[in-house]
Amino acid sequence: MKKRLIVLSLGGSLIIPEKVDVRFLKEFKKVINQNSKKYKFIIVCGGGSTARKYISALRESGANEQFQSFSGISATRMNARFMNYFFGINPEKGIPHKLREIKKYLRKQDFVFCGALEYKPKQTSDSTAAEIAKHFKADFINLTNVSGLHNKNPLEHKDAKFIPEISWGDFDKMANKLKFAPGQHFVLDQTASGIIMKNKITTYIIGKNIKQLDNLLKGKKFKGTIICG
């Protein structure tokens, strides 16, 4: 049986909120390994607190937005290399920077870790994941530090309302109410939203309760947001 491909955006805030979340990553590794009999995974790593600290320092110094983005990309790639080691993989030829390199790794491995690929303006690692999902015609799972999409940031507003399902168009409107900034916190960046809407990519937003990811992969009921139709 041919394995189904899943593109998973692993938020940097889950890898390294302030220090590396070893407990979460052990649970994540267990779920990915258990489900690798059915799936292959391309796991795109975000930059987390490391990226935001670099970006903040460059912004404060007066560096332009492109340089801020470059430093964020570097952090995502460092996190991707770390995740390889965490999974016991030695990427001897380095972290993939291009789609063709991802394809090569996929032929031999059930999971491939990468960070952001080539620089493009107004993109985060989520855009990279959406581009990869488009290329491989795969479903897209965004694993982040909130339980799903809300009408406002639930980490800052106790009265934020959870949204279990939303259309591509309505989600795109939500995303574009915000002005893009390197290192931004919204669950998916504006470019990623446009990609999933234009290409009708079924997208899931799930929080750090790793059981929900396992349920989704096993076709069970899960808590999270579906972006579709």
Protein backbone atom coordinates (compact mmCIF):
# COMPACT_ATOMS: atom_id res chain seq x y z
CA MET A 1 0.00 0.00 0.00
CA LYS A 2 1.36 3.41 -1.01
CA LYS A 3 1.78 5.72 1.96
CA ARG A 4 -0.21 8.94 2.04
CA LEU A 5 1.82 12.14 2.31
CA ILE A 6 1.10 14.73 5.01
CA VAL A 7 2.72 18.16 5.20
CA LEU A 8 2.98 19.25 8.80
CA SER A 9 4.00 22.72 9.96
CA LEU A 10 5.57 22.34 13.41
CA GLY A 11 5.43 25.71 15.11
CA GLY A 12 8.70 26.90 16.55
CA SER A 13 6.79 27.87 19.69
CA LEU A 14 6.29 24.14 20.27
CA ILE A 15 9.93 23.21 19.66
CA ILE A 16 11.49 26.00 21.69
CA PRO A 17 8.99 28.32 23.44
CA GLU A 18 11.80 29.65 25.64
CA LYS A 19 13.80 26.48 26.17
CA VAL A 20 13.43 23.22 24.24
CA ASP A 21 10.18 21.44 25.20
CA VAL A 22 11.65 17.94 25.46
CA ARG A 23 8.51 16.40 26.92
CA PHE A 24 6.31 17.60 24.07
CA LEU A 25 8.86 16.58 21.44
CA LYS A 26 9.09 13.05 22.87
CA GLU A 27 5.30 12.73 22.55
CA PHE A 28 5.42 14.19 19.04
CA LYS A 29 8.13 11.74 17.99
CA LYS A 30 6.11 8.82 19.35
CA VAL A 31 2.98 9.80 17.39
CA ILE A 32 4.88 10.39 14.14
CA ASN A 33 6.69 7.06 14.44
CA GLN A 34 3.46 5.19 15.25
CA ASN A 35 1.70 6.66 12.20
CA SER A 36 4.58 6.24 9.76
CA LYS A 37 3.22 2.84 8.69
CA LYS A 38 0.38 4.68 6.95
CA TYR A 39 1.92 8.09 6.17
CA LYS A 40 5.04 9.85 5.02
CA PHE A 41 5.60 13.27 6.58
CA ILE A 42 7.25 16.47 5.44
CA ILE A 43 7.69 18.43 8.66
CA VAL A 44 8.39 22.14 8.25
CA CYS A 45 9.87 23.68 11.41
CA GLY A 46 9.19 27.21 12.58
CA GLY A 47 11.74 29.44 14.25
CA GLY A 48 10.09 29.96 17.65
CA SER A 49 11.57 32.19 20.31
CA THR A 50 15.02 31.97 18.72
CA ALA A 51 13.77 33.54 15.50
CA ARG A 52 11.76 36.21 17.31
CA LYS A 53 14.75 37.24 19.44
CA TYR A 54 16.97 37.62 16.37
CA ILE A 55 14.24 39.46 14.44
CA SER A 56 13.51 41.78 17.37
CA ALA A 57 17.18 42.66 17.77
CA LEU A 58 17.56 43.42 14.06
CA ARG A 59 14.38 45.50 14.04
CA GLU A 60 15.65 47.48 17.02
CA SER A 61 18.97 48.04 15.24
CA GLY A 62 17.19 49.45 12.20
CA ALA A 63 17.91 46.50 9.88
CA ASN A 64 15.53 46.14 6.96
CA GLU A 65 12.69 43.60 6.83
CA GLN A 66 14.56 41.33 4.41
CA PHE A 67 17.46 40.91 6.85
CA GLN A 68 14.96 40.22 9.64
CA SER A 69 13.41 37.48 7.49
CA PHE A 70 16.82 36.00 6.68
CA SER A 71 17.58 35.61 10.38
CA GLY A 72 14.18 33.97 10.90
CA ILE A 73 14.86 31.52 8.05
CA SER A 74 18.20 30.60 9.62
CA ALA A 75 16.46 29.82 12.92
CA THR A 76 13.91 27.53 11.18
CA ARG A 77 16.73 25.60 9.54
CA MET A 78 18.59 25.25 12.80
CA ASN A 79 15.43 23.87 14.41
CA ALA A 80 14.95 21.46 11.49
CA ARG A 81 18.49 20.13 11.91
CA PHE A 82 17.89 19.73 15.64
CA MET A 83 14.65 17.80 14.96
CA ASN A 84 16.53 15.43 12.67
CA TYR A 85 18.96 14.68 15.49
CA PHE A 86 16.05 14.33 17.93
CA PHE A 87 14.60 11.64 15.64
CA GLY A 88 17.99 9.95 15.33
CA ILE A 89 18.57 11.07 11.73
CA ASN A 90 21.85 12.48 10.45
CA PRO A 91 21.07 14.62 7.37
CA GLU A 92 24.53 14.22 5.87
CA LYS A 93 23.67 16.35 2.85
CA GLY A 94 22.11 19.03 5.03
CA ILE A 95 18.62 20.41 5.49
CA PRO A 96 16.63 20.63 2.22
CA HIS A 97 16.53 24.16 0.81
CA LYS A 98 14.63 23.24 -2.37
CA LEU A 99 11.66 21.06 -3.32
CA ARG A 100 13.79 18.72 -5.39
CA GLU A 101 15.95 18.01 -2.32
CA ILE A 102 12.84 17.15 -0.30
CA LYS A 103 11.81 14.69 -3.04
CA LYS A 104 15.19 12.94 -2.81
CA TYR A 105 14.92 12.50 0.94
CA LEU A 106 11.32 11.23 0.65
CA ARG A 107 12.43 8.32 -1.49
CA LYS A 108 14.48 6.95 1.41
CA GLN A 109 12.75 8.29 4.54
CA ASP A 110 9.26 8.30 6.05
CA PHE A 111 9.74 11.80 7.41
CA VAL A 112 11.72 14.77 6.15
CA PHE A 113 12.45 17.85 8.26
CA CYS A 114 13.07 21.25 6.73
CA GLY A 115 12.83 24.90 7.65
CA ALA A 116 11.84 27.71 5.34
CA LEU A 117 13.04 27.15 1.77
CA GLU A 118 14.16 30.01 -0.46
CA TYR A 119 13.47 33.57 0.70
CA LYS A 120 10.24 35.16 -0.49
CA PRO A 121 8.82 38.41 0.89
CA LYS A 122 5.94 38.29 3.39
CA GLN A 123 6.30 34.61 4.19
CA THR A 124 6.86 32.52 7.28
CA SER A 125 7.58 28.79 7.54
CA ASP A 126 3.80 28.30 7.25
CA SER A 127 3.96 29.60 3.68
CA THR A 128 6.73 27.13 2.98
CA ALA A 129 4.51 24.32 4.29
CA ALA A 130 1.56 25.51 2.19
CA GLU A 131 3.76 25.68 -0.94
CA ILE A 132 5.00 22.15 -0.29
CA ALA A 133 1.43 20.88 0.26
CA LYS A 134 0.44 22.49 -3.05
CA HIS A 135 3.38 20.90 -4.88
CA PHE A 136 2.74 17.40 -3.53
CA LYS A 137 -1.08 17.74 -3.54
CA ALA A 138 -1.08 16.79 0.14
CA ASP A 139 -3.24 17.69 3.14
CA PHE A 140 -1.73 20.30 5.42
CA ILE A 141 -1.64 20.15 9.23
CA ASN A 142 -0.54 23.20 11.18
CA LEU A 143 0.56 22.31 14.71
CA THR A 144 0.67 25.41 16.88
CA ASN A 145 0.47 26.62 20.49
CA VAL A 146 -3.31 27.18 20.53
CA SER A 147 -6.02 24.52 20.20
CA GLY A 148 -7.23 25.79 16.83
CA LEU A 149 -8.54 28.93 15.19
CA HIS A 150 -10.30 31.51 17.38
CA ASN A 151 -11.95 34.83 16.59
CA LYS A 152 -9.09 36.49 18.51
CA ASN A 153 -5.89 35.39 20.20
CA PRO A 154 -6.92 33.00 23.03
CA LEU A 155 -3.57 33.53 24.77
CA GLU A 156 -4.47 37.19 25.27
CA HIS A 157 -8.29 37.11 25.43
CA LYS A 158 -10.17 34.77 27.77
CA ASP A 159 -13.42 35.35 25.85
CA ALA A 160 -11.94 34.21 22.52
CA LYS A 161 -14.35 31.89 20.67
CA PHE A 162 -13.14 28.62 19.15
CA ILE A 163 -13.91 28.09 15.43
CA PRO A 164 -14.11 24.35 14.57
CA GLU A 165 -14.60 24.82 10.82
CA ILE A 166 -14.18 27.71 8.38
CA SER A 167 -14.14 28.16 4.61
CA TRP A 168 -10.96 29.00 2.73
CA GLY A 169 -12.41 32.41 1.78
CA ASP A 170 -13.48 33.38 5.29
CA PHE A 171 -10.15 32.29 6.72
CA ASP A 172 -8.29 34.34 4.12
CA LYS A 173 -10.29 37.41 5.15
CA MET A 174 -9.32 36.82 8.80
CA ALA A 175 -5.65 36.41 7.97
CA ASN A 176 -5.53 39.55 5.86
CA LYS A 177 -6.98 41.76 8.58
CA LEU A 178 -3.47 41.65 10.05
CA LYS A 179 -0.47 43.42 8.59
CA PHE A 180 2.41 41.02 7.88
CA ALA A 181 5.49 41.22 10.11
CA PRO A 182 8.47 38.82 10.30
CA GLY A 183 8.01 36.51 13.28
CA GLN A 184 4.27 37.19 13.52
CA HIS A 185 2.04 35.08 15.79
CA PHE A 186 -1.16 34.44 13.77
CA VAL A 187 -1.84 30.72 13.22
CA LEU A 188 -1.10 30.92 9.47
CA ASP A 189 0.45 33.81 7.57
CA GLN A 190 -1.38 35.72 4.85
CA THR A 191 0.58 34.16 1.99
CA ALA A 192 -0.12 30.64 3.28
CA SER A 193 -3.81 31.48 3.50
CA GLY A 194 -3.85 32.61 -0.13
CA ILE A 195 -2.08 29.43 -1.25
CA ILE A 196 -4.48 27.06 0.54
CA MET A 197 -7.52 29.01 -0.74
CA LYS A 198 -6.35 29.19 -4.37
CA ASN A 199 -5.37 25.52 -4.44
CA LYS A 200 -8.22 24.22 -2.26
CA ILE A 201 -5.86 22.52 0.20
CA THR A 202 -7.64 20.87 3.13
CA THR A 203 -5.93 22.35 6.18
CA TYR A 204 -6.10 21.48 9.87
CA ILE A 205 -5.03 23.66 12.79
CA ILE A 206 -4.28 21.71 15.96
CA GLY A 207 -2.77 22.64 19.32
CA LYS A 208 -0.01 21.05 21.38
CA ASN A 209 -2.24 18.34 22.86
CA ILE A 210 -0.54 15.63 20.86
CA LYS A 211 -3.48 13.23 21.31
CA GLN A 212 -5.46 15.42 18.91
CA LEU A 213 -2.85 14.95 16.18
CA ASP A 214 -2.89 11.20 16.76
CA ASN A 215 -6.71 11.17 16.57
CA LEU A 216 -6.68 13.14 13.32
CA LEU A 217 -4.14 10.82 11.70
CA LYS A 218 -6.14 7.79 12.80
CA GLY A 219 -9.40 9.23 11.44
CA LYS A 220 -10.92 9.71 14.89
CA LYS A 221 -12.71 12.71 16.33
CA PHE A 222 -10.26 15.46 17.27
CA LYS A 223 -10.26 19.00 18.62
CA GLY A 224 -8.97 21.46 16.09
CA THR A 225 -10.06 23.60 13.14
CA ILE A 226 -10.70 22.41 9.58
CA ILE A 227 -10.25 24.91 6.75
CA CYS A 228 -12.00 23.66 3.63
CA GLY A 229 -14.76 24.24 1.07
